[in-house]
PDB file of N, CA and C in Angstrom:
ATOM      1  N   MET A   1    -138.110  99.393  77.079  1.00  0.00           N
ATOM      2  CA  MET A   1    -137.841  98.225  76.267  1.00  0.00           C
ATOM      3  C   MET A   1    -136.648  97.498  76.868  1.00  0.00           C
ATOM      4  N   ASP A   2    -136.900  96.622  77.801  1.00  0.00           N
ATOM      5  CA  ASP A   2    -135.834  95.889  78.452  1.00  0.00           C
ATOM      6  C   ASP A   2    -135.371  94.690  77.642  1.00  0.00           C
ATOM      7  N   ASN A   3    -136.258  94.056  76.926  1.00  0.00           N
ATOM      8  CA  ASN A   3    -135.932  92.833  76.227  1.00  0.00           C
ATOM      9  C   ASN A   3    -136.349  92.963  74.768  1.00  0.00           C
ATOM     10  N   ILE A   4    -135.371  92.963  73.858  1.00  0.00           N
ATOM     11  CA  ILE A   4    -135.704  93.151  72.446  1.00  0.00           C
ATOM     12  C   ILE A   4    -136.289  91.900  71.817  1.00  0.00           C
ATOM     13  N   LEU A   5    -136.189  90.747  72.496  1.00  0.00           N
ATOM     14  CA  LEU A   5    -136.695  89.514  71.919  1.00  0.00           C
ATOM     15  C   LEU A   5    -138.097  89.160  72.381  1.00  0.00           C
ATOM     16  N   TYR A   6    -138.585  89.810  73.432  1.00  0.00           N
ATOM     17  CA  TYR A   6    -139.897  89.428  73.934  1.00  0.00           C
ATOM     18  C   TYR A   6    -140.618  90.633  74.514  1.00  0.00           C
ATOM     19  N   ASP A   7    -141.836  90.775  74.176  1.00  0.00           N
ATOM     20  CA  ASP A   7    -142.755  91.691  74.840  1.00  0.00           C
ATOM     21  C   ASP A   7    -144.159  91.156  74.588  1.00  0.00           C
ATOM     22  N   ASN A   8    -145.155  91.864  75.018  1.00  0.00           N
ATOM     23  CA  ASN A   8    -146.526  91.361  74.883  1.00  0.00           C
ATOM     24  C   ASN A   8    -146.969  91.206  73.436  1.00  0.00           C
ATOM     25  N   GLU A   9    -146.341  91.928  72.508  1.00  0.00           N
ATOM     26  CA  GLU A   9    -146.722  91.849  71.104  1.00  0.00           C
ATOM     27  C   GLU A   9    -145.965  90.751  70.355  1.00  0.00           C
ATOM     28  N   PHE A  10    -144.884  90.287  70.909  1.00  0.00           N
ATOM     29  CA  PHE A  10    -143.969  89.378  70.210  1.00  0.00           C
ATOM     30  C   PHE A  10    -143.983  88.027  70.903  1.00  0.00           C
ATOM     31  N   VAL A  11    -144.791  87.105  70.371  1.00  0.00           N
ATOM     32  CA  VAL A  11    -144.939  85.792  70.982  1.00  0.00           C
ATOM     33  C   VAL A  11    -144.413  84.742  70.014  1.00  0.00           C
ATOM     34  N   LEU A  12    -143.385  84.018  70.434  1.00  0.00           N
ATOM     35  CA  LEU A  12    -142.793  83.016  69.555  1.00  0.00           C
ATOM     36  C   LEU A  12    -143.709  81.820  69.327  1.00  0.00           C
ATOM     37  N   ASP A  13    -144.771  81.666  70.137  1.00  0.00           N
ATOM     38  CA  ASP A  13    -145.713  80.574  69.932  1.00  0.00           C
ATOM     39  C   ASP A  13    -146.389  80.689  68.571  1.00  0.00           C
ATOM     40  N   GLU A  14    -146.563  81.897  68.104  1.00  0.00           N
ATOM     41  CA  GLU A  14    -147.146  82.129  66.796  1.00  0.00           C
ATOM     42  C   GLU A  14    -145.996  82.195  65.797  1.00  0.00           C
ATOM     43  N   PHE A  15    -145.420  81.053  65.508  1.00  0.00           N
ATOM     44  CA  PHE A  15    -144.189  80.986  64.720  1.00  0.00           C
ATOM     45  C   PHE A  15    -144.420  81.429  63.291  1.00  0.00           C
ATOM     46  N   ASN A  16    -143.834  82.541  62.987  1.00  0.00           N
ATOM     47  CA  ASN A  16    -143.860  83.096  61.651  1.00  0.00           C
ATOM     48  C   ASN A  16    -142.500  83.756  61.449  1.00  0.00           C
ATOM     49  N   PRO A  17    -141.583  83.083  60.775  1.00  0.00           N
ATOM     50  CA  PRO A  17    -140.216  83.603  60.641  1.00  0.00           C
ATOM     51  C   PRO A  17    -140.128  85.028  60.100  1.00  0.00           C
ATOM     52  N   VAL A  18    -140.958  85.361  59.142  1.00  0.00           N
ATOM     53  CA  VAL A  18    -140.912  86.715  58.570  1.00  0.00           C
ATOM     54  C   VAL A  18    -141.327  87.741  59.617  1.00  0.00           C
ATOM     55  N   ALA A  19    -142.408  87.479  60.317  1.00  0.00           N
ATOM     56  CA  ALA A  19    -142.876  88.407  61.346  1.00  0.00           C
ATOM     57  C   ALA A  19    -141.855  88.556  62.463  1.00  0.00           C
ATOM     58  N   ILE A  20    -141.200  87.480  62.812  1.00  0.00           N
ATOM     59  CA  ILE A  20    -140.180  87.528  63.868  1.00  0.00           C
ATOM     60  C   ILE A  20    -138.998  88.373  63.417  1.00  0.00           C
ATOM     61  N   ARG A  21    -138.547  88.186  62.177  1.00  0.00           N
ATOM     62  CA  ARG A  21    -137.434  88.997  61.655  1.00  0.00           C
ATOM     63  C   ARG A  21    -137.792  90.478  61.667  1.00  0.00           C
ATOM     64  N   ILE A  22    -138.999  90.797  61.233  1.00  0.00           N
ATOM     65  CA  ILE A  22    -139.445  92.196  61.198  1.00  0.00           C
ATOM     66  C   ILE A  22    -139.469  92.776  62.603  1.00  0.00           C
ATOM     67  N   LYS A  23    -140.028  92.034  63.535  1.00  0.00           N
ATOM     68  CA  LYS A  23    -140.152  92.518  64.909  1.00  0.00           C
ATOM     69  C   LYS A  23    -138.781  92.750  65.542  1.00  0.00           C
ATOM     70  N   ILE A  24    -137.839  91.838  65.327  1.00  0.00           N
ATOM     71  CA  ILE A  24    -136.496  92.014  65.886  1.00  0.00           C
ATOM     72  C   ILE A  24    -135.825  93.229  65.267  1.00  0.00           C
ATOM     73  N   ALA A  25    -135.943  93.390  63.953  1.00  0.00           N
ATOM     74  CA  ALA A  25    -135.341  94.554  63.283  1.00  0.00           C
ATOM     75  C   ALA A  25    -135.941  95.851  63.809  1.00  0.00           C
ATOM     76  N   GLU A  26    -137.258  95.884  63.995  1.00  0.00           N
ATOM     77  CA  GLU A  26    -137.903  97.087  64.522  1.00  0.00           C
ATOM     78  C   GLU A  26    -137.432  97.386  65.940  1.00  0.00           C
ATOM     79  N   LYS A  27    -137.276  96.353  66.748  1.00  0.00           N
ATOM     80  CA  LYS A  27    -136.842  96.558  68.132  1.00  0.00           C
ATOM     81  C   LYS A  27    -135.383  97.029  68.189  1.00  0.00           C
ATOM     82  N   ILE A  28    -134.547  96.481  67.323  1.00  0.00           N
ATOM     83  CA  ILE A  28    -133.149  96.929  67.264  1.00  0.00           C
ATOM     84  C   ILE A  28    -133.104  98.399  66.868  1.00  0.00           C
ATOM     85  N   LYS A  29    -133.874  98.766  65.855  1.00  0.00           N
ATOM     86  CA  LYS A  29    -133.896 100.165  65.405  1.00  0.00           C
ATOM     87  C   LYS A  29    -134.408 101.081  66.514  1.00  0.00           C
ATOM     88  N   LYS A  30    -135.475 100.667  67.187  1.00  0.00           N
ATOM     89  CA  LYS A  30    -136.031 101.469  68.280  1.00  0.00           C
ATOM     90  C   LYS A  30    -135.006 101.637  69.402  1.00  0.00           C
ATOM     91  N   LYS A  31    -134.294 100.566  69.722  1.00  0.00           N
ATOM     92  CA  LYS A  31    -133.260 100.622  70.767  1.00  0.00           C
ATOM     93  C   LYS A  31    -132.130 101.556  70.328  1.00  0.00           C
ATOM     94  N   ARG A  32    -131.720 101.458  69.070  1.00  0.00           N
ATOM     95  CA  ARG A  32    -130.664 102.331  68.534  1.00  0.00           C
ATOM     96  C   ARG A  32    -131.073 103.790  68.663  1.00  0.00           C
ATOM     97  N   LEU A  33    -132.304 104.089  68.264  1.00  0.00           N
ATOM     98  CA  LEU A  33    -132.781 105.466  68.323  1.00  0.00           C
ATOM     99  C   LEU A  33    -132.926 105.954  69.766  1.00  0.00           C
ATOM    100  N   SER A  34    -133.364 105.073  70.660  1.00  0.00           N
ATOM    101  CA  SER A  34    -133.526 105.481  72.059  1.00  0.00           C
ATOM    102  C   SER A  34    -132.178 105.794  72.708  1.00  0.00           C
ATOM    103  N   LEU A  35    -131.124 105.184  72.186  1.00  0.00           N
ATOM    104  CA  LEU A  35    -129.770 105.470  72.692  1.00  0.00           C
ATOM    105  C   LEU A  35    -129.133 106.648  71.963  1.00  0.00           C
ATOM    106  N   GLY A  36    -129.865 107.215  71.002  1.00  0.00           N
ATOM    107  CA  GLY A  36    -129.360 108.368  70.254  1.00  0.00           C
ATOM    108  C   GLY A  36    -128.245 108.011  69.287  1.00  0.00           C
ATOM    109  N   LEU A  37    -128.253 106.777  68.796  1.00  0.00           N
ATOM    110  CA  LEU A  37    -127.218 106.344  67.860  1.00  0.00           C
ATOM    111  C   LEU A  37    -127.733 106.402  66.426  1.00  0.00           C
ATOM    112  N   GLY A  38    -126.952 106.974  65.555  1.00  0.00           N
ATOM    113  CA  GLY A  38    -127.267 106.935  64.135  1.00  0.00           C
ATOM    114  C   GLY A  38    -126.827 105.600  63.562  1.00  0.00           C
ATOM    115  N   GLN A  39    -127.276 105.308  62.363  1.00  0.00           N
ATOM    116  CA  GLN A  39    -126.889 104.042  61.736  1.00  0.00           C
ATOM    117  C   GLN A  39    -125.378 103.938  61.575  1.00  0.00           C
ATOM    118  N   GLN A  40    -124.765 105.009  61.140  1.00  0.00           N
ATOM    119  CA  GLN A  40    -123.317 104.992  60.905  1.00  0.00           C
ATOM    120  C   GLN A  40    -122.557 104.748  62.211  1.00  0.00           C
ATOM    121  N   THR A  41    -122.991 105.370  63.296  1.00  0.00           N
ATOM    122  CA  THR A  41    -122.333 105.192  64.593  1.00  0.00           C
ATOM    123  C   THR A  41    -122.476 103.762  65.080  1.00  0.00           C
ATOM    124  N   LEU A  42    -123.687 103.201  64.988  1.00  0.00           N
ATOM    125  CA  LEU A  42    -123.895 101.819  65.422  1.00  0.00           C
ATOM    126  C   LEU A  42    -123.086 100.858  64.560  1.00  0.00           C
ATOM    127  N   ALA A  43    -123.051 101.111  63.274  1.00  0.00           N
ATOM    128  CA  ALA A  43    -122.270 100.250  62.376  1.00  0.00           C
ATOM    129  C   ALA A  43    -120.796 100.263  62.778  1.00  0.00           C
ATOM    130  N   LYS A  44    -120.286 101.437  63.025  1.00  0.00           N
ATOM    131  CA  LYS A  44    -118.865 101.556  63.395  1.00  0.00           C
ATOM    132  C   LYS A  44    -118.578 100.889  64.736  1.00  0.00           C
ATOM    133  N   LYS A  45    -119.427 101.131  65.731  1.00  0.00           N
ATOM    134  CA  LYS A  45    -119.217 100.551  67.062  1.00  0.00           C
ATOM    135  C   LYS A  45    -119.331  99.037  67.057  1.00  0.00           C
ATOM    136  N   SER A  46    -120.200  98.504  66.208  1.00  0.00           N
ATOM    137  CA  SER A  46    -120.466  97.061  66.211  1.00  0.00           C
ATOM    138  C   SER A  46    -119.558  96.277  65.265  1.00  0.00           C
ATOM    139  N   GLY A  47    -118.961  96.963  64.303  1.00  0.00           N
ATOM    140  CA  GLY A  47    -118.164  96.258  63.303  1.00  0.00           C
ATOM    141  C   GLY A  47    -119.011  95.690  62.172  1.00  0.00           C
ATOM    142  N   VAL A  48    -120.285  96.053  62.153  1.00  0.00           N
ATOM    143  CA  VAL A  48    -121.200  95.632  61.081  1.00  0.00           C
ATOM    144  C   VAL A  48    -121.183  96.740  60.036  1.00  0.00           C
ATOM    145  N   SER A  49    -121.090  96.367  58.771  1.00  0.00           N
ATOM    146  CA  SER A  49    -121.043  97.400  57.735  1.00  0.00           C
ATOM    147  C   SER A  49    -122.346  98.198  57.733  1.00  0.00           C
ATOM    148  N   LEU A  50    -122.247  99.442  57.304  1.00  0.00           N
ATOM    149  CA  LEU A  50    -123.421 100.304  57.221  1.00  0.00           C
ATOM    150  C   LEU A  50    -124.458  99.694  56.275  1.00  0.00           C
ATOM    151  N   GLY A  51    -124.000  99.111  55.184  1.00  0.00           N
ATOM    152  CA  GLY A  51    -124.912  98.473  54.237  1.00  0.00           C
ATOM    153  C   GLY A  51    -125.683  97.319  54.865  1.00  0.00           C
ATOM    154  N   SER A  52    -124.983  96.515  55.683  1.00  0.00           N
ATOM    155  CA  SER A  52    -125.658  95.392  56.354  1.00  0.00           C
ATOM    156  C   SER A  52    -126.692  95.891  57.348  1.00  0.00           C
ATOM    157  N   LEU A  53    -126.355  96.953  58.081  1.00  0.00           N
ATOM    158  CA  LEU A  53    -127.300  97.517  59.044  1.00  0.00           C
ATOM    159  C   LEU A  53    -128.524  98.089  58.330  1.00  0.00           C
ATOM    160  N   LYS A  54    -128.296  98.805  57.247  1.00  0.00           N
ATOM    161  CA  LYS A  54    -129.426  99.363  56.486  1.00  0.00           C
ATOM    162  C   LYS A  54    -130.305  98.252  55.919  1.00  0.00           C
ATOM    163  N   ARG A  55    -129.679  97.192  55.391  1.00  0.00           N
ATOM    164  CA  ARG A  55    -130.449  96.073  54.848  1.00  0.00           C
ATOM    165  C   ARG A  55    -131.291  95.420  55.944  1.00  0.00           C
ATOM    166  N   PHE A  56    -130.721  95.319  57.140  1.00  0.00           N
ATOM    167  CA  PHE A  56    -131.459  94.730  58.257  1.00  0.00           C
ATOM    168  C   PHE A  56    -132.663  95.580  58.631  1.00  0.00           C
ATOM    169  N   GLU A  57    -132.456  96.880  58.747  1.00  0.00           N
ATOM    170  CA  GLU A  57    -133.548  97.762  59.152  1.00  0.00           C
ATOM    171  C   GLU A  57    -134.616  97.920  58.062  1.00  0.00           C
ATOM    172  N   ASN A  58    -134.241  97.731  56.801  1.00  0.00           N
ATOM    173  CA  ASN A  58    -135.192  97.925  55.700  1.00  0.00           C
ATOM    174  C   ASN A  58    -135.762  96.631  55.127  1.00  0.00           C
ATOM    175  N   LYS A  59    -134.924  95.595  55.060  1.00  0.00           N
ATOM    176  CA  LYS A  59    -135.364  94.329  54.452  1.00  0.00           C
ATOM    177  C   LYS A  59    -135.352  93.184  55.450  1.00  0.00           C
ATOM    178  N   TYR A  60    -134.945  93.458  56.681  1.00  0.00           N
ATOM    179  CA  TYR A  60    -134.988  92.492  57.785  1.00  0.00           C
ATOM    180  C   TYR A  60    -134.089  91.282  57.549  1.00  0.00           C
ATOM    181  N   GLU A  61    -132.997  91.480  56.829  1.00  0.00           N
ATOM    182  CA  GLU A  61    -132.055  90.400  56.544  1.00  0.00           C
ATOM    183  C   GLU A  61    -130.712  90.717  57.185  1.00  0.00           C
ATOM    184  N   ILE A  62    -130.193  89.727  57.951  1.00  0.00           N
ATOM    185  CA  ILE A  62    -128.902  89.916  58.603  1.00  0.00           C
ATOM    186  C   ILE A  62    -128.360  88.548  59.003  1.00  0.00           C
ATOM    187  N   SER A  63    -127.049  88.434  59.050  1.00  0.00           N
ATOM    188  CA  SER A  63    -126.460  87.177  59.508  1.00  0.00           C
ATOM    189  C   SER A  63    -126.543  87.119  61.036  1.00  0.00           C
ATOM    190  N   LEU A  64    -126.500  85.925  61.561  1.00  0.00           N
ATOM    191  CA  LEU A  64    -126.533  85.766  63.010  1.00  0.00           C
ATOM    192  C   LEU A  64    -125.332  86.460  63.648  1.00  0.00           C
ATOM    193  N   LYS A  65    -124.174  86.336  63.036  1.00  0.00           N
ATOM    194  CA  LYS A  65    -122.960  86.984  63.551  1.00  0.00           C
ATOM    195  C   LYS A  65    -123.174  88.490  63.695  1.00  0.00           C
ATOM    196  N   HIS A  66    -123.694  89.111  62.662  1.00  0.00           N
ATOM    197  CA  HIS A  66    -123.902  90.563  62.705  1.00  0.00           C
ATOM    198  C   HIS A  66    -125.013  90.946  63.684  1.00  0.00           C
ATOM    199  N   LEU A  67    -126.052  90.139  63.763  1.00  0.00           N
ATOM    200  CA  LEU A  67    -127.123  90.405  64.719  1.00  0.00           C
ATOM    201  C   LEU A  67    -126.571  90.392  66.150  1.00  0.00           C
ATOM    202  N   LEU A  68    -125.710  89.425  66.437  1.00  0.00           N
ATOM    203  CA  LEU A  68    -125.113  89.348  67.773  1.00  0.00           C
ATOM    204  C   LEU A  68    -124.172  90.521  68.041  1.00  0.00           C
ATOM    205  N   GLN A  69    -123.453  90.968  67.021  1.00  0.00           N
ATOM    206  CA  GLN A  69    -122.588  92.134  67.193  1.00  0.00           C
ATOM    207  C   GLN A  69    -123.414  93.374  67.524  1.00  0.00           C
ATOM    208  N   LEU A  70    -124.533  93.547  66.842  1.00  0.00           N
ATOM    209  CA  LEU A  70    -125.413  94.682  67.127  1.00  0.00           C
ATOM    210  C   LEU A  70    -125.982  94.568  68.538  1.00  0.00           C
ATOM    211  N   ALA A  71    -126.423  93.373  68.902  1.00  0.00           N
ATOM    212  CA  ALA A  71    -126.993  93.157  70.232  1.00  0.00           C
ATOM    213  C   ALA A  71    -125.977  93.468  71.320  1.00  0.00           C
ATOM    214  N   MET A  72    -124.717  93.142  71.077  1.00  0.00           N
ATOM    215  CA  MET A  72    -123.680  93.415  72.069  1.00  0.00           C
ATOM    216  C   MET A  72    -123.554  94.916  72.315  1.00  0.00           C
ATOM    217  N   VAL A  73    -123.502  95.688  71.249  1.00  0.00           N
ATOM    218  CA  VAL A  73    -123.371  97.140  71.385  1.00  0.00           C
ATOM    219  C   VAL A  73    -124.606  97.746  72.043  1.00  0.00           C
ATOM    220  N   LEU A  74    -125.773  97.183  71.776  1.00  0.00           N
ATOM    221  CA  LEU A  74    -127.023  97.711  72.320  1.00  0.00           C
ATOM    222  C   LEU A  74    -127.356  97.155  73.702  1.00  0.00           C
ATOM    223  N   GLY A  75    -126.469  96.336  74.239  1.00  0.00           N
ATOM    224  CA  GLY A  75    -126.673  95.802  75.587  1.00  0.00           C
ATOM    225  C   GLY A  75    -127.743  94.727  75.660  1.00  0.00           C
ATOM    226  N   ALA A  76    -127.920  93.969  74.592  1.00  0.00           N
ATOM    227  CA  ALA A  76    -128.977  92.968  74.552  1.00  0.00           C
ATOM    228  C   ALA A  76    -128.449  91.548  74.323  1.00  0.00           C
ATOM    229  N   LEU A  77    -127.162  91.338  74.497  1.00  0.00           N
ATOM    230  CA  LEU A  77    -126.577  90.026  74.216  1.00  0.00           C
ATOM    231  C   LEU A  77    -127.068  88.948  75.179  1.00  0.00           C
ATOM    232  N   ASP A  78    -127.322  89.305  76.424  1.00  0.00           N
ATOM    233  CA  ASP A  78    -127.800  88.318  77.399  1.00  0.00           C
ATOM    234  C   ASP A  78    -129.121  87.695  76.972  1.00  0.00           C
ATOM    235  N   GLU A  79    -129.932  88.428  76.265  1.00  0.00           N
ATOM    236  CA  GLU A  79    -131.213  87.902  75.817  1.00  0.00           C
ATOM    237  C   GLU A  79    -131.032  86.737  74.855  1.00  0.00           C
ATOM    238  N   PHE A  80    -129.983  86.776  74.050  1.00  0.00           N
ATOM    239  CA  PHE A  80    -129.699  85.662  73.155  1.00  0.00           C
ATOM    240  C   PHE A  80    -129.176  84.462  73.933  1.00  0.00           C
ATOM    241  N   ASN A  81    -128.417  84.718  74.974  1.00  0.00           N
ATOM    242  CA  ASN A  81    -127.920  83.628  75.807  1.00  0.00           C
ATOM    243  C   ASN A  81    -129.052  82.887  76.496  1.00  0.00           C
ATOM    244  N   ASN A  82    -130.171  83.539  76.690  1.00  0.00           N
ATOM    245  CA  ASN A  82    -131.314  82.931  77.372  1.00  0.00           C
ATOM    246  C   ASN A  82    -132.319  82.286  76.424  1.00  0.00           C
ATOM    247  N   LEU A  83    -132.038  82.275  75.141  1.00  0.00           N
ATOM    248  CA  LEU A  83    -132.986  81.704  74.184  1.00  0.00           C
ATOM    249  C   LEU A  83    -133.232  80.215  74.406  1.00  0.00           C
ATOM    250  N   PHE A  84    -132.206  79.470  74.713  1.00  0.00           N
ATOM    251  CA  PHE A  84    -132.327  78.029  74.885  1.00  0.00           C
ATOM    252  C   PHE A  84    -131.802  77.638  76.263  1.00  0.00           C
ATOM    253  N   PRO A  85    -132.584  77.924  77.303  1.00  0.00           N
ATOM    254  CA  PRO A  85    -132.107  77.655  78.660  1.00  0.00           C
ATOM    255  C   PRO A  85    -131.975  76.155  78.914  1.00  0.00           C
ATOM    256  N   GLU A  86    -131.031  75.839  79.770  1.00  0.00           N
ATOM    257  CA  GLU A  86    -130.873  74.438  80.153  1.00  0.00           C
ATOM    258  C   GLU A  86    -131.966  74.079  81.139  1.00  0.00           C
ATOM    259  N   LYS A  87    -132.358  72.832  81.093  1.00  0.00           N
ATOM    260  CA  LYS A  87    -133.445  72.358  81.950  1.00  0.00           C
ATOM    261  C   LYS A  87    -133.021  72.388  83.413  1.00  0.00           C
ATOM    262  N   GLU A  88    -133.930  72.862  84.246  1.00  0.00           N
ATOM    263  CA  GLU A  88    -133.721  72.801  85.685  1.00  0.00           C
ATOM    264  C   GLU A  88    -134.378  71.535  86.195  1.00  0.00           C
ATOM    265  N   PHE A  89    -133.678  70.798  87.039  1.00  0.00           N
ATOM    266  CA  PHE A  89    -134.180  69.519  87.533  1.00  0.00           C
ATOM    267  C   PHE A  89    -134.857  69.688  88.882  1.00  0.00           C
ATOM    268  N   ASN A  90    -135.928  68.908  89.072  1.00  0.00           N
ATOM    269  CA  ASN A  90    -136.680  68.950  90.320  1.00  0.00           C
ATOM    270  C   ASN A  90    -136.431  67.729  91.195  1.00  0.00           C
ATOM    271  N   SER A  91    -135.762  66.720  90.631  1.00  0.00           N
ATOM    272  CA  SER A  91    -135.505  65.513  91.416  1.00  0.00           C
ATOM    273  C   SER A  91    -134.278  64.790  90.883  1.00  0.00           C
ATOM    274  N   ILE A  92    -133.752  63.874  91.660  1.00  0.00           N
ATOM    275  CA  ILE A  92    -132.619  63.038  91.259  1.00  0.00           C
ATOM    276  C   ILE A  92    -133.033  62.165  90.066  1.00  0.00           C
ATOM    277  N   ASP A  93    -134.279  61.687  90.078  1.00  0.00           N
ATOM    278  CA  ASP A  93    -134.763  60.847  88.977  1.00  0.00           C
ATOM    279  C   ASP A  93    -134.700  61.588  87.637  1.00  0.00           C
ATOM    280  N   GLU A  94    -135.039  62.864  87.645  1.00  0.00           N
ATOM    281  CA  GLU A  94    -134.971  63.653  86.415  1.00  0.00           C
ATOM    282  C   GLU A  94    -133.530  63.784  85.935  1.00  0.00           C
ATOM    283  N   ILE A  95    -132.602  63.942  86.847  1.00  0.00           N
ATOM    284  CA  ILE A  95    -131.185  64.047  86.481  1.00  0.00           C
ATOM    285  C   ILE A  95    -130.715  62.737  85.861  1.00  0.00           C
ATOM    286  N   LEU A  96    -131.051  61.612  86.484  1.00  0.00           N
ATOM    287  CA  LEU A  96    -130.635  60.307  85.975  1.00  0.00           C
ATOM    288  C   LEU A  96    -131.255  60.036  84.604  1.00  0.00           C
ATOM    289  N   LYS A  97    -132.501  60.384  84.442  1.00  0.00           N
ATOM    290  CA  LYS A  97    -133.174  60.202  83.153  1.00  0.00           C
ATOM    291  C   LYS A  97    -132.501  61.056  82.079  1.00  0.00           C
ATOM    292  N   SER A  98    -132.145  62.274  82.428  1.00  0.00           N
ATOM    293  CA  SER A  98    -131.474  63.183  81.498  1.00  0.00           C
ATOM    294  C   SER A  98    -130.130  62.625  81.070  1.00  0.00           C
ATOM    295  N   LYS A  99    -129.386  62.032  81.986  1.00  0.00           N
ATOM    296  CA  LYS A  99    -128.073  61.464  81.656  1.00  0.00           C
ATOM    297  C   LYS A  99    -128.218  60.334  80.649  1.00  0.00           C
ATOM    298  N   LYS A 100    -129.271  59.534  80.754  1.00  0.00           N
ATOM    299  CA  LYS A 100    -129.499  58.449  79.799  1.00  0.00           C
ATOM    300  C   LYS A 100    -129.758  59.012  78.407  1.00  0.00           C
ATOM    301  N   ILE A 101    -130.528  60.074  78.323  1.00  0.00           N
ATOM    302  CA  ILE A 101    -130.825  60.701  77.036  1.00  0.00           C
ATOM    303  C   ILE A 101    -129.562  61.277  76.422  1.00  0.00           C
ATOM    304  N   LYS A 102    -128.696  61.908  77.241  1.00  0.00           N
ATOM    305  CA  LYS A 102    -127.474  62.524  76.740  1.00  0.00           C
ATOM    306  C   LYS A 102    -126.479  61.504  76.222  1.00  0.00           C
ATOM    307  N   GLU A 103    -126.575  60.248  76.665  1.00  0.00           N
ATOM    308  CA  GLU A 103    -125.646  59.222  76.222  1.00  0.00           C
ATOM    309  C   GLU A 103    -125.877  58.845  74.769  1.00  0.00           C
ATOM    310  N   ARG A 104    -127.056  59.113  74.234  1.00  0.00           N
ATOM    311  CA  ARG A 104    -127.342  58.810  72.839  1.00  0.00           C
ATOM    312  C   ARG A 104    -126.472  59.655  71.941  1.00  0.00           C
ATOM    313  N   LYS A 105    -125.951  59.069  70.898  1.00  0.00           N
ATOM    314  CA  LYS A 105    -125.051  59.782  69.982  1.00  0.00           C
ATOM    315  C   LYS A 105    -125.777  60.403  68.798  1.00  0.00           C
ATOM    316  N   ARG A 106    -126.901  59.806  68.409  1.00  0.00           N
ATOM    317  CA  ARG A 106    -127.635  60.311  67.246  1.00  0.00           C
ATOM    318  C   ARG A 106    -129.094  60.474  67.598  1.00  0.00           C
ATOM    319  N   GLY A 107    -129.773  61.269  66.797  1.00  0.00           N
ATOM    320  CA  GLY A 107    -131.209  61.455  66.990  1.00  0.00           C
ATOM    321  C   GLY A 107    -131.980  60.219  66.543  1.00  0.00           C
ATOM    322  N   LYS A 108    -133.186  60.131  66.976  1.00  0.00           N
ATOM    323  CA  LYS A 108    -134.071  59.022  66.635  1.00  0.00           C
ATOM    324  C   LYS A 108    -134.488  59.138  65.178  1.00  0.00           C
ATOM    325  N   ASN A 109    -134.450  58.041  64.444  1.00  0.00           N
ATOM    326  CA  ASN A 109    -134.918  58.041  63.056  1.00  0.00           C
ATOM    327  C   ASN A 109    -136.432  58.053  63.027  1.00  0.00           C
ATOM    328  N   ASP A 110    -136.998  58.858  62.136  1.00  0.00           N
ATOM    329  CA  ASP A 110    -138.470  58.923  62.026  1.00  0.00           C
ATOM    330  C   ASP A 110    -139.010  57.784  61.232  1.00  0.00           C
TER     331      ASP A 110
END
């Protein structure tokens, strides 16, 4: 399990927030167990309360701050950094076009 956010079973194209929360919680728990960490040990190492960790593993509810703290201890923080990659440009024209878009201060009104 190299990446807790993506595998063949976990496809974000099928957007279902509940299913995604469950899958992430299951992967965190599996990673914790594979490292031989108990809930109390992971809670202490991460700074996340034991109650918050238990709620996450059982009810799939956690704050982003606590999720990132757990990911850091489990060696999975880089995966969150890659969630929203910056666009890679293939030409000067794409760069110039991107700069024009970035100059806008507000989003387009619908």
